[in-house]
Full PDB file with SEQRES, HELIX, SHEET, SSBOND, CRYST1, ORIGX, SCALE, CONECT and MASTER records, all heavy atoms in Angstrom:
SEQRES   1 A   41  SER LEU ARG VAL SER CYS SER ALA SER ARG ASP ILE PHE          
SEQRES   2 A   41  SER SER ASP VAL MET GLY TRP TYR ARG GLN ALA PRO GLY          
SEQRES   3 A   41  LYS GLN ARG GLU LEU VAL ALA THR ILE ILE SER LEU GLY          
SEQRES   4 A   41  TYR THR                                                      
SHEET    1 AA1 2 VAL A  17  ARG A  22  0                                        
SHEET    2 AA1 2 GLU A  30  ILE A  36 -1                                        
CRYST1    1.000    1.000    1.000  90.00  90.00  90.00 P 1           1          
ORIGX1      1.000000  0.000000  0.000000        0.00000                         
ORIGX2      0.000000  1.000000  0.000000        0.00000                         
ORIGX3      0.000000  0.000000  1.000000        0.00000                         
SCALE1      1.000000  0.000000  0.000000        0.00000                         
SCALE2      0.000000  1.000000  0.000000        0.00000                         
SCALE3      0.000000  0.000000  1.000000        0.00000                         
ATOM      1  N   SER A   1      84.918  18.062 -46.649  1.00  0.00           N  
ATOM      2  CA  SER A   1      84.997  16.689 -46.180  1.00  0.00           C  
ATOM      3  C   SER A   1      85.243  16.581 -44.779  1.00  0.00           C  
ATOM      4  O   SER A   1      85.840  17.504 -44.167  1.00  0.00           O  
ATOM      5  CB  SER A   1      86.177  15.958 -46.925  1.00  0.00           C  
ATOM      6  OG  SER A   1      85.921  15.870 -48.306  1.00  0.00           O  
ATOM      7  N   LEU A   2      84.745  15.591 -44.132  1.00  0.00           N  
ATOM      8  CA  LEU A   2      84.986  15.280 -42.766  1.00  0.00           C  
ATOM      9  C   LEU A   2      85.087  13.710 -42.613  1.00  0.00           C  
ATOM     10  O   LEU A   2      84.476  13.019 -43.418  1.00  0.00           O  
ATOM     11  CB  LEU A   2      83.841  15.715 -41.815  1.00  0.00           C  
ATOM     12  CG  LEU A   2      83.885  17.245 -41.384  1.00  0.00           C  
ATOM     13  CD1 LEU A   2      82.614  17.466 -40.494  1.00  0.00           C  
ATOM     14  CD2 LEU A   2      85.106  17.529 -40.542  1.00  0.00           C  
ATOM     15  N   ARG A   3      85.753  13.344 -41.559  1.00  0.00           N  
ATOM     16  CA  ARG A   3      85.787  11.874 -41.282  1.00  0.00           C  
ATOM     17  C   ARG A   3      85.545  11.704 -39.782  1.00  0.00           C  
ATOM     18  O   ARG A   3      86.009  12.454 -38.854  1.00  0.00           O  
ATOM     19  CB  ARG A   3      87.287  11.379 -41.478  1.00  0.00           C  
ATOM     20  CG  ARG A   3      87.414   9.816 -41.370  1.00  0.00           C  
ATOM     21  CD  ARG A   3      88.814   9.430 -41.680  1.00  0.00           C  
ATOM     22  NE  ARG A   3      89.018   8.001 -41.650  1.00  0.00           N  
ATOM     23  CZ  ARG A   3      88.934   7.232 -42.772  1.00  0.00           C  
ATOM     24  NH1 ARG A   3      88.587   7.801 -43.911  1.00  0.00           N  
ATOM     25  NH2 ARG A   3      89.123   5.960 -42.684  1.00  0.00           N  
ATOM     26  N   VAL A   4      84.448  10.869 -39.499  1.00  0.00           N  
ATOM     27  CA  VAL A   4      84.111  10.565 -38.146  1.00  0.00           C  
ATOM     28  C   VAL A   4      84.602   9.066 -37.812  1.00  0.00           C  
ATOM     29  O   VAL A   4      84.532   8.328 -38.729  1.00  0.00           O  
ATOM     30  CB  VAL A   4      82.616  10.758 -37.884  1.00  0.00           C  
ATOM     31  CG1 VAL A   4      82.300  12.206 -37.817  1.00  0.00           C  
ATOM     32  CG2 VAL A   4      81.803   9.947 -38.924  1.00  0.00           C  
ATOM     33  N   SER A   5      85.068   8.877 -36.606  1.00  0.00           N  
ATOM     34  CA  SER A   5      85.486   7.587 -36.229  1.00  0.00           C  
ATOM     35  C   SER A   5      84.841   7.107 -34.965  1.00  0.00           C  
ATOM     36  O   SER A   5      84.344   7.993 -34.091  1.00  0.00           O  
ATOM     37  CB  SER A   5      87.004   7.650 -36.011  1.00  0.00           C  
ATOM     38  OG  SER A   5      87.737   8.009 -37.150  1.00  0.00           O  
ATOM     39  N   CYS A   6      84.783   5.862 -34.796  1.00  0.00           N  
ATOM     40  CA  CYS A   6      84.113   5.220 -33.691  1.00  0.00           C  
ATOM     41  C   CYS A   6      85.010   4.126 -33.190  1.00  0.00           C  
ATOM     42  O   CYS A   6      85.443   3.257 -33.908  1.00  0.00           O  
ATOM     43  CB  CYS A   6      82.776   4.780 -34.065  1.00  0.00           C  
ATOM     44  SG  CYS A   6      81.897   3.725 -32.650  1.00  0.00           S  
ATOM     45  N   SER A   7      85.217   4.142 -31.806  1.00  0.00           N  
ATOM     46  CA  SER A   7      86.082   3.036 -31.285  1.00  0.00           C  
ATOM     47  C   SER A   7      85.227   2.285 -30.230  1.00  0.00           C  
ATOM     48  O   SER A   7      84.635   2.938 -29.422  1.00  0.00           O  
ATOM     49  CB  SER A   7      87.280   3.663 -30.603  1.00  0.00           C  
ATOM     50  OG  SER A   7      88.088   2.698 -30.046  1.00  0.00           O  
ATOM     51  N   ALA A   8      85.282   0.967 -30.319  1.00  0.00           N  
ATOM     52  CA  ALA A   8      84.533   0.130 -29.426  1.00  0.00           C  
ATOM     53  C   ALA A   8      85.545  -0.389 -28.246  1.00  0.00           C  
ATOM     54  O   ALA A   8      86.712  -0.465 -28.436  1.00  0.00           O  
ATOM     55  CB  ALA A   8      84.082  -1.068 -30.137  1.00  0.00           C  
ATOM     56  N   SER A   9      84.897  -0.492 -27.149  1.00  0.00           N  
ATOM     57  CA  SER A   9      85.703  -0.864 -25.830  1.00  0.00           C  
ATOM     58  C   SER A   9      86.000  -2.290 -25.741  1.00  0.00           C  
ATOM     59  O   SER A   9      86.733  -2.636 -24.790  1.00  0.00           O  
ATOM     60  CB  SER A   9      84.871  -0.350 -24.617  1.00  0.00           C  
ATOM     61  OG  SER A   9      83.711  -1.139 -24.499  1.00  0.00           O  
ATOM     62  N   ARG A  10      85.505  -3.149 -26.649  1.00  0.00           N  
ATOM     63  CA  ARG A  10      85.855  -4.585 -26.695  1.00  0.00           C  
ATOM     64  C   ARG A  10      85.992  -5.028 -28.065  1.00  0.00           C  
ATOM     65  O   ARG A  10      85.711  -4.346 -29.008  1.00  0.00           O  
ATOM     66  CB  ARG A  10      84.877  -5.407 -25.809  1.00  0.00           C  
ATOM     67  CG  ARG A  10      83.435  -5.388 -26.498  1.00  0.00           C  
ATOM     68  CD  ARG A  10      83.043  -6.915 -26.782  1.00  0.00           C  
ATOM     69  NE  ARG A  10      81.641  -6.964 -27.043  1.00  0.00           N  
ATOM     70  CZ  ARG A  10      81.204  -7.104 -28.299  1.00  0.00           C  
ATOM     71  NH1 ARG A  10      81.843  -7.070 -29.421  1.00  0.00           N  
ATOM     72  NH2 ARG A  10      79.749  -7.260 -28.483  1.00  0.00           N  
ATOM     73  N   ASP A  11      86.583  -6.224 -28.143  1.00  0.00           N  
ATOM     74  CA  ASP A  11      86.765  -6.797 -29.503  1.00  0.00           C  
ATOM     75  C   ASP A  11      85.469  -6.979 -30.315  1.00  0.00           C  
ATOM     76  O   ASP A  11      84.433  -7.256 -29.678  1.00  0.00           O  
ATOM     77  CB  ASP A  11      87.455  -8.139 -29.383  1.00  0.00           C  
ATOM     78  CG  ASP A  11      88.839  -8.127 -28.970  1.00  0.00           C  
ATOM     79  OD1 ASP A  11      89.455  -7.103 -29.109  1.00  0.00           O  
ATOM     80  OD2 ASP A  11      89.384  -9.123 -28.650  1.00  0.00           O  
ATOM     81  N   ILE A  12      85.500  -6.687 -31.583  1.00  0.00           N  
ATOM     82  CA  ILE A  12      84.419  -6.758 -32.440  1.00  0.00           C  
ATOM     83  C   ILE A  12      84.394  -8.084 -33.066  1.00  0.00           C  
ATOM     84  O   ILE A  12      85.420  -8.577 -33.544  1.00  0.00           O  
ATOM     85  CB  ILE A  12      84.451  -5.617 -33.400  1.00  0.00           C  
ATOM     86  CG1 ILE A  12      84.531  -4.286 -32.840  1.00  0.00           C  
ATOM     87  CG2 ILE A  12      83.219  -5.763 -34.441  1.00  0.00           C  
ATOM     88  CD1 ILE A  12      83.327  -3.964 -31.970  1.00  0.00           C  
ATOM     89  N   PHE A  13      83.316  -8.773 -32.970  1.00  0.00           N  
ATOM     90  CA  PHE A  13      83.148 -10.160 -33.554  1.00  0.00           C  
ATOM     91  C   PHE A  13      82.888  -9.993 -35.133  1.00  0.00           C  
ATOM     92  O   PHE A  13      82.327  -9.052 -35.608  1.00  0.00           O  
ATOM     93  CB  PHE A  13      82.074 -10.958 -32.893  1.00  0.00           C  
ATOM     94  CG  PHE A  13      82.099 -11.012 -31.477  1.00  0.00           C  
ATOM     95  CD1 PHE A  13      81.263 -10.465 -30.590  1.00  0.00           C  
ATOM     96  CD2 PHE A  13      83.165 -11.813 -30.907  1.00  0.00           C  
ATOM     97  CE1 PHE A  13      81.375 -10.696 -29.239  1.00  0.00           C  
ATOM     98  CE2 PHE A  13      83.369 -11.941 -29.498  1.00  0.00           C  
ATOM     99  CZ  PHE A  13      82.473 -11.330 -28.660  1.00  0.00           C  
ATOM    100  N   SER A  14      83.334 -11.006 -35.829  1.00  0.00           N  
ATOM    101  CA  SER A  14      83.181 -10.969 -37.177  1.00  0.00           C  
ATOM    102  C   SER A  14      81.635 -10.966 -37.652  1.00  0.00           C  
ATOM    103  O   SER A  14      81.397 -10.459 -38.694  1.00  0.00           O  
ATOM    104  CB  SER A  14      83.882 -12.269 -37.921  1.00  0.00           C  
ATOM    105  OG  SER A  14      83.263 -13.393 -37.342  1.00  0.00           O  
ATOM    106  N   SER A  15      80.804 -11.433 -36.828  1.00  0.00           N  
ATOM    107  CA  SER A  15      79.439 -11.390 -37.110  1.00  0.00           C  
ATOM    108  C   SER A  15      78.681 -10.022 -36.798  1.00  0.00           C  
ATOM    109  O   SER A  15      77.525  -9.850 -37.095  1.00  0.00           O  
ATOM    110  CB  SER A  15      78.653 -12.507 -36.314  1.00  0.00           C  
ATOM    111  OG  SER A  15      78.823 -12.435 -34.931  1.00  0.00           O  
ATOM    112  N   ASP A  16      79.370  -9.124 -36.057  1.00  0.00           N  
ATOM    113  CA  ASP A  16      78.831  -7.867 -35.659  1.00  0.00           C  
ATOM    114  C   ASP A  16      78.567  -6.979 -36.912  1.00  0.00           C  
ATOM    115  O   ASP A  16      79.380  -6.985 -37.872  1.00  0.00           O  
ATOM    116  CB  ASP A  16      79.706  -7.150 -34.772  1.00  0.00           C  
ATOM    117  CG  ASP A  16      79.839  -7.862 -33.355  1.00  0.00           C  
ATOM    118  OD1 ASP A  16      79.000  -8.773 -33.058  1.00  0.00           O  
ATOM    119  OD2 ASP A  16      80.735  -7.539 -32.612  1.00  0.00           O  
ATOM    120  N   VAL A  17      77.461  -6.174 -36.827  1.00  0.00           N  
ATOM    121  CA  VAL A  17      77.251  -5.158 -37.719  1.00  0.00           C  
ATOM    122  C   VAL A  17      77.596  -3.828 -37.135  1.00  0.00           C  
ATOM    123  O   VAL A  17      77.175  -3.540 -35.999  1.00  0.00           O  
ATOM    124  CB  VAL A  17      75.745  -5.135 -38.095  1.00  0.00           C  
ATOM    125  CG1 VAL A  17      75.428  -3.991 -39.083  1.00  0.00           C  
ATOM    126  CG2 VAL A  17      75.324  -6.503 -38.743  1.00  0.00           C  
ATOM    127  N   MET A  18      78.367  -3.097 -37.876  1.00  0.00           N  
ATOM    128  CA  MET A  18      78.749  -1.728 -37.349  1.00  0.00           C  
ATOM    129  C   MET A  18      78.275  -0.666 -38.428  1.00  0.00           C  
ATOM    130  O   MET A  18      78.063  -1.116 -39.619  1.00  0.00           O  
ATOM    131  CB  MET A  18      80.219  -1.535 -37.196  1.00  0.00           C  
ATOM    132  CG  MET A  18      80.871  -2.628 -36.164  1.00  0.00           C  
ATOM    133  SD  MET A  18      82.548  -2.142 -35.704  1.00  0.00           S  
ATOM    134  CE  MET A  18      82.186  -0.811 -34.541  1.00  0.00           C  
ATOM    135  N   GLY A  19      78.027   0.477 -37.871  1.00  0.00           N  
ATOM    136  CA  GLY A  19      77.466   1.388 -38.828  1.00  0.00           C  
ATOM    137  C   GLY A  19      77.277   2.792 -38.152  1.00  0.00           C  
ATOM    138  O   GLY A  19      77.772   3.154 -37.031  1.00  0.00           O  
ATOM    139  N   TRP A  20      76.744   3.745 -38.987  1.00  0.00           N  
ATOM    140  CA  TRP A  20      76.439   5.120 -38.619  1.00  0.00           C  
ATOM    141  C   TRP A  20      74.933   5.441 -38.903  1.00  0.00           C  
ATOM    142  O   TRP A  20      74.480   5.104 -39.926  1.00  0.00           O  
ATOM    143  CB  TRP A  20      77.420   6.006 -39.278  1.00  0.00           C  
ATOM    144  CG  TRP A  20      78.789   5.849 -38.904  1.00  0.00           C  
ATOM    145  CD1 TRP A  20      79.717   5.188 -39.425  1.00  0.00           C  
ATOM    146  CD2 TRP A  20      79.412   6.625 -37.849  1.00  0.00           C  
ATOM    147  NE1 TRP A  20      80.946   5.214 -38.786  1.00  0.00           N  
ATOM    148  CE2 TRP A  20      80.802   6.202 -37.806  1.00  0.00           C  
ATOM    149  CE3 TRP A  20      79.011   7.566 -36.863  1.00  0.00           C  
ATOM    150  CZ2 TRP A  20      81.715   6.644 -36.865  1.00  0.00           C  
ATOM    151  CZ3 TRP A  20      79.899   8.096 -36.057  1.00  0.00           C  
ATOM    152  CH2 TRP A  20      81.278   7.634 -35.994  1.00  0.00           C  
ATOM    153  N   TYR A  21      74.377   6.125 -37.890  1.00  0.00           N  
ATOM    154  CA  TYR A  21      73.057   6.705 -38.138  1.00  0.00           C  
ATOM    155  C   TYR A  21      73.270   8.157 -37.855  1.00  0.00           C  
ATOM    156  O   TYR A  21      74.241   8.677 -37.308  1.00  0.00           O  
ATOM    157  CB  TYR A  21      72.064   6.137 -37.138  1.00  0.00           C  
ATOM    158  CG  TYR A  21      71.578   4.751 -37.528  1.00  0.00           C  
ATOM    159  CD1 TYR A  21      72.434   3.634 -37.448  1.00  0.00           C  
ATOM    160  CD2 TYR A  21      70.237   4.586 -37.885  1.00  0.00           C  
ATOM    161  CE1 TYR A  21      71.948   2.356 -37.828  1.00  0.00           C  
ATOM    162  CE2 TYR A  21      69.826   3.227 -38.246  1.00  0.00           C  
ATOM    163  CZ  TYR A  21      70.701   2.250 -38.114  1.00  0.00           C  
ATOM    164  OH  TYR A  21      70.174   0.946 -38.617  1.00  0.00           O  
ATOM    165  N   ARG A  22      72.246   8.982 -38.207  1.00  0.00           N  
ATOM    166  CA  ARG A  22      72.264  10.418 -37.987  1.00  0.00           C  
ATOM    167  C   ARG A  22      70.915  10.888 -37.612  1.00  0.00           C  
ATOM    168  O   ARG A  22      69.889  10.347 -38.005  1.00  0.00           O  
ATOM    169  CB  ARG A  22      72.862  11.233 -39.097  1.00  0.00           C  
ATOM    170  CG  ARG A  22      71.962  11.262 -40.392  1.00  0.00           C  
ATOM    171  CD  ARG A  22      72.687  11.831 -41.558  1.00  0.00           C  
ATOM    172  NE  ARG A  22      71.906  11.933 -42.743  1.00  0.00           N  
ATOM    173  CZ  ARG A  22      72.440  12.367 -43.934  1.00  0.00           C  
ATOM    174  NH1 ARG A  22      73.653  12.718 -44.059  1.00  0.00           N  
ATOM    175  NH2 ARG A  22      71.486  12.365 -44.972  1.00  0.00           N  
ATOM    176  N   GLN A  23      70.842  11.967 -36.793  1.00  0.00           N  
ATOM    177  CA  GLN A  23      69.598  12.549 -36.521  1.00  0.00           C  
ATOM    178  C   GLN A  23      69.665  14.160 -36.531  1.00  0.00           C  
ATOM    179  O   GLN A  23      70.505  14.644 -35.819  1.00  0.00           O  
ATOM    180  CB  GLN A  23      69.188  12.221 -34.966  1.00  0.00           C  
ATOM    181  CG  GLN A  23      67.772  12.623 -34.660  1.00  0.00           C  
ATOM    182  CD  GLN A  23      67.225  11.877 -33.440  1.00  0.00           C  
ATOM    183  OE1 GLN A  23      68.051  11.354 -32.703  1.00  0.00           O  
ATOM    184  NE2 GLN A  23      66.026  11.980 -33.239  1.00  0.00           N  
ATOM    185  N   ALA A  24      68.931  14.679 -37.419  1.00  0.00           N  
ATOM    186  CA  ALA A  24      68.847  16.137 -37.626  1.00  0.00           C  
ATOM    187  C   ALA A  24      67.757  16.669 -36.698  1.00  0.00           C  
ATOM    188  O   ALA A  24      66.824  15.959 -36.272  1.00  0.00           O  
ATOM    189  CB  ALA A  24      68.596  16.513 -39.067  1.00  0.00           C  
ATOM    190  N   PRO A  25      67.836  17.902 -36.308  1.00  0.00           N  
ATOM    191  CA  PRO A  25      66.872  18.500 -35.421  1.00  0.00           C  
ATOM    192  C   PRO A  25      65.447  18.382 -36.076  1.00  0.00           C  
ATOM    193  O   PRO A  25      65.169  18.682 -37.208  1.00  0.00           O  
ATOM    194  CB  PRO A  25      67.256  19.938 -35.402  1.00  0.00           C  
ATOM    195  CG  PRO A  25      68.742  19.999 -35.675  1.00  0.00           C  
ATOM    196  CD  PRO A  25      68.942  18.866 -36.694  1.00  0.00           C  
ATOM    197  N   GLY A  26      64.508  17.825 -35.092  1.00  0.00           N  
ATOM    198  CA  GLY A  26      63.221  17.683 -35.526  1.00  0.00           C  
ATOM    199  C   GLY A  26      62.843  16.463 -36.410  1.00  0.00           C  
ATOM    200  O   GLY A  26      61.815  16.319 -36.864  1.00  0.00           O  
ATOM    201  N   LYS A  27      63.933  15.670 -36.764  1.00  0.00           N  
ATOM    202  CA  LYS A  27      63.770  14.563 -37.532  1.00  0.00           C  
ATOM    203  C   LYS A  27      64.026  13.166 -36.780  1.00  0.00           C  
ATOM    204  O   LYS A  27      64.721  13.210 -35.701  1.00  0.00           O  
ATOM    205  CB  LYS A  27      64.573  14.647 -38.755  1.00  0.00           C  
ATOM    206  CG  LYS A  27      64.222  15.835 -39.709  1.00  0.00           C  
ATOM    207  CD  LYS A  27      64.920  15.741 -40.985  1.00  0.00           C  
ATOM    208  CE  LYS A  27      64.550  16.905 -41.930  1.00  0.00           C  
ATOM    209  NZ  LYS A  27      65.326  16.790 -43.218  1.00  0.00           N  
ATOM    210  N   GLN A  28      63.544  12.095 -37.339  1.00  0.00           N  
ATOM    211  CA  GLN A  28      63.897  10.830 -36.740  1.00  0.00           C  
ATOM    212  C   GLN A  28      65.354  10.392 -37.079  1.00  0.00           C  
ATOM    213  O   GLN A  28      65.976  10.799 -38.117  1.00  0.00           O  
ATOM    214  CB  GLN A  28      62.863   9.754 -37.237  1.00  0.00           C  
ATOM    215  CG  GLN A  28      61.469   9.983 -36.731  1.00  0.00           C  
ATOM    216  CD  GLN A  28      60.675   8.759 -37.026  1.00  0.00           C  
ATOM    217  OE1 GLN A  28      60.809   8.117 -38.085  1.00  0.00           O  
ATOM    218  NE2 GLN A  28      59.649   8.537 -36.309  1.00  0.00           N  
ATOM    219  N   ARG A  29      65.917   9.606 -36.262  1.00  0.00           N  
ATOM    220  CA  ARG A  29      67.259   8.968 -36.548  1.00  0.00           C  
ATOM    221  C   ARG A  29      67.126   8.148 -37.753  1.00  0.00           C  
ATOM    222  O   ARG A  29      66.164   7.247 -37.966  1.00  0.00           O  
ATOM    223  CB  ARG A  29      67.722   8.160 -35.341  1.00  0.00           C  
ATOM    224  CG  ARG A  29      69.156   7.744 -35.382  1.00  0.00           C  
ATOM    225  CD  ARG A  29      69.701   7.198 -34.098  1.00  0.00           C  
ATOM    226  NE  ARG A  29      69.555   8.101 -33.001  1.00  0.00           N  
ATOM    227  CZ  ARG A  29      70.150   7.780 -31.895  1.00  0.00           C  
ATOM    228  NH1 ARG A  29      70.756   6.582 -31.646  1.00  0.00           N  
ATOM    229  NH2 ARG A  29      70.028   8.710 -30.785  1.00  0.00           N  
ATOM    230  N   GLU A  30      68.074   8.305 -38.578  1.00  0.00           N  
ATOM    231  CA  GLU A  30      68.088   7.539 -39.950  1.00  0.00           C  
ATOM    232  C   GLU A  30      69.458   6.791 -40.156  1.00  0.00           C  
ATOM    233  O   GLU A  30      70.450   7.279 -39.718  1.00  0.00           O  
ATOM    234  CB  GLU A  30      67.756   8.489 -41.038  1.00  0.00           C  
ATOM    235  CG  GLU A  30      68.783   9.619 -41.296  1.00  0.00           C  
ATOM    236  CD  GLU A  30      68.401  10.317 -42.541  1.00  0.00           C  
ATOM    237  OE1 GLU A  30      67.364  10.233 -43.210  1.00  0.00           O  
ATOM    238  OE2 GLU A  30      69.258  11.307 -42.843  1.00  0.00           O  
ATOM    239  N   LEU A  31      69.383   5.793 -40.934  1.00  0.00           N  
ATOM    240  CA  LEU A  31      70.471   4.970 -41.332  1.00  0.00           C  
ATOM    241  C   LEU A  31      71.353   5.849 -42.304  1.00  0.00           C  
ATOM    242  O   LEU A  31      70.797   6.437 -43.257  1.00  0.00           O  
ATOM    243  CB  LEU A  31      70.104   3.774 -42.015  1.00  0.00           C  
ATOM    244  CG  LEU A  31      71.227   2.926 -42.731  1.00  0.00           C  
ATOM    245  CD1 LEU A  31      72.020   2.274 -41.673  1.00  0.00           C  
ATOM    246  CD2 LEU A  31      70.624   1.957 -43.612  1.00  0.00           C  
ATOM    247  N   VAL A  32      72.591   5.885 -42.078  1.00  0.00           N  
ATOM    248  CA  VAL A  32      73.569   6.459 -42.971  1.00  0.00           C  
ATOM    249  C   VAL A  32      74.295   5.317 -43.757  1.00  0.00           C  
ATOM    250  O   VAL A  32      74.291   5.254 -45.023  1.00  0.00           O  
ATOM    251  CB  VAL A  32      74.657   7.350 -42.267  1.00  0.00           C  
ATOM    252  CG1 VAL A  32      75.622   7.839 -43.330  1.00  0.00           C  
ATOM    253  CG2 VAL A  32      73.942   8.474 -41.537  1.00  0.00           C  
ATOM    254  N   ALA A  33      74.933   4.433 -43.015  1.00  0.00           N  
ATOM    255  CA  ALA A  33      75.704   3.358 -43.604  1.00  0.00           C  
ATOM    256  C   ALA A  33      75.996   2.269 -42.615  1.00  0.00           C  
ATOM    257  O   ALA A  33      76.140   2.454 -41.413  1.00  0.00           O  
ATOM    258  CB  ALA A  33      77.030   3.766 -44.248  1.00  0.00           C  
ATOM    259  N   THR A  34      75.988   0.974 -43.064  1.00  0.00           N  
ATOM    260  CA  THR A  34      76.406  -0.117 -42.196  1.00  0.00           C  
ATOM    261  C   THR A  34      77.431  -0.989 -43.019  1.00  0.00           C  
ATOM    262  O   THR A  34      77.550  -0.997 -44.185  1.00  0.00           O  
ATOM    263  CB  THR A  34      75.169  -0.940 -41.788  1.00  0.00           C  
ATOM    264  OG1 THR A  34      74.609  -1.453 -43.018  1.00  0.00           O  
ATOM    265  CG2 THR A  34      74.198  -0.229 -40.900  1.00  0.00           C  
ATOM    266  N   ILE A  35      78.208  -1.787 -42.224  1.00  0.00           N  
ATOM    267  CA  ILE A  35      79.180  -2.643 -42.764  1.00  0.00           C  
ATOM    268  C   ILE A  35      79.289  -3.873 -41.901  1.00  0.00           C  
ATOM    269  O   ILE A  35      79.154  -3.820 -40.704  1.00  0.00           O  
ATOM    270  CB  ILE A  35      80.561  -1.865 -42.901  1.00  0.00           C  
ATOM    271  CG1 ILE A  35      81.649  -2.793 -43.628  1.00  0.00           C  
ATOM    272  CG2 ILE A  35      81.052  -1.450 -41.584  1.00  0.00           C  
ATOM    273  CD1 ILE A  35      82.796  -1.924 -43.956  1.00  0.00           C  
ATOM    274  N   ILE A  36      79.536  -4.999 -42.621  1.00  0.00           N  
ATOM    275  CA  ILE A  36      79.724  -6.273 -41.935  1.00  0.00           C  
ATOM    276  C   ILE A  36      81.210  -6.723 -42.252  1.00  0.00           C  
ATOM    277  O   ILE A  36      81.847  -6.125 -43.071  1.00  0.00           O  
ATOM    278  CB  ILE A  36      78.752  -7.275 -42.336  1.00  0.00           C  
ATOM    279  CG1 ILE A  36      78.863  -7.691 -43.774  1.00  0.00           C  
ATOM    280  CG2 ILE A  36      77.326  -6.987 -41.928  1.00  0.00           C  
ATOM    281  CD1 ILE A  36      78.044  -8.948 -44.161  1.00  0.00           C  
ATOM    282  N   SER A  37      81.548  -7.768 -41.507  1.00  0.00           N  
ATOM    283  CA  SER A  37      83.020  -8.144 -41.536  1.00  0.00           C  
ATOM    284  C   SER A  37      83.486  -8.477 -42.843  1.00  0.00           C  
ATOM    285  O   SER A  37      84.676  -8.182 -43.226  1.00  0.00           O  
ATOM    286  CB  SER A  37      83.209  -9.194 -40.564  1.00  0.00           C  
ATOM    287  OG  SER A  37      84.576  -9.667 -40.577  1.00  0.00           O  
ATOM    288  N   LEU A  38      82.679  -9.068 -43.712  1.00  0.00           N  
ATOM    289  CA  LEU A  38      83.093  -9.526 -45.072  1.00  0.00           C  
ATOM    290  C   LEU A  38      83.262  -8.275 -45.965  1.00  0.00           C  
ATOM    291  O   LEU A  38      83.580  -8.411 -47.211  1.00  0.00           O  
ATOM    292  CB  LEU A  38      82.023 -10.418 -45.689  1.00  0.00           C  
ATOM    293  CG  LEU A  38      82.096 -11.826 -44.982  1.00  0.00           C  
ATOM    294  CD1 LEU A  38      80.940 -12.787 -45.534  1.00  0.00           C  
ATOM    295  CD2 LEU A  38      83.422 -12.482 -45.002  1.00  0.00           C  
ATOM    296  N   GLY A  39      82.970  -7.112 -45.484  1.00  0.00           N  
ATOM    297  CA  GLY A  39      83.001  -5.782 -46.254  1.00  0.00           C  
ATOM    298  C   GLY A  39      81.827  -5.462 -47.012  1.00  0.00           C  
ATOM    299  O   GLY A  39      81.814  -4.460 -47.760  1.00  0.00           O  
ATOM    300  N   TYR A  40      80.732  -6.164 -46.816  1.00  0.00           N  
ATOM    301  CA  TYR A  40      79.472  -5.792 -47.382  1.00  0.00           C  
ATOM    302  C   TYR A  40      78.994  -4.557 -46.844  1.00  0.00           C  
ATOM    303  O   TYR A  40      78.904  -4.364 -45.625  1.00  0.00           O  
ATOM    304  CB  TYR A  40      78.473  -6.819 -47.359  1.00  0.00           C  
ATOM    305  CG  TYR A  40      77.115  -6.539 -47.957  1.00  0.00           C  
ATOM    306  CD1 TYR A  40      76.921  -6.607 -49.422  1.00  0.00           C  
ATOM    307  CD2 TYR A  40      76.060  -6.157 -47.178  1.00  0.00           C  
ATOM    308  CE1 TYR A  40      75.691  -6.259 -49.879  1.00  0.00           C  
ATOM    309  CE2 TYR A  40      74.806  -5.679 -47.696  1.00  0.00           C  
ATOM    310  CZ  TYR A  40      74.664  -5.859 -49.043  1.00  0.00           C  
ATOM    311  OH  TYR A  40      73.497  -5.471 -49.647  1.00  0.00           O  
ATOM    312  N   THR A  41      78.704  -3.601 -47.623  1.00  0.00           N  
ATOM    313  CA  THR A  41      78.263  -2.207 -47.227  1.00  0.00           C  
ATOM    314  C   THR A  41      76.839  -1.889 -47.576  1.00  0.00           C  
ATOM    315  O   THR A  41      76.372  -2.393 -48.647  1.00  0.00           O  
ATOM    316  CB  THR A  41      79.135  -1.151 -47.484  1.00  0.00           C  
ATOM    317  OG1 THR A  41      79.254  -1.086 -48.994  1.00  0.00           O  
ATOM    318  CG2 THR A  41      80.515  -1.324 -47.005  1.00  0.00           C  
TER     319      THR A  41                                                      
MASTER        0    0    0    0    2    0    0    6  318    1    0    4          
END                                                                             
């Protein structure tokens, strides 16, 4: 297991979408997961 964290330099608005993408060597960047303020993932 691993846990990665991300910190933003300003306040996050409730309407903002936050998430994680990843890119493996030789591949395109792909969606991993997203989350909105209401907790929808």
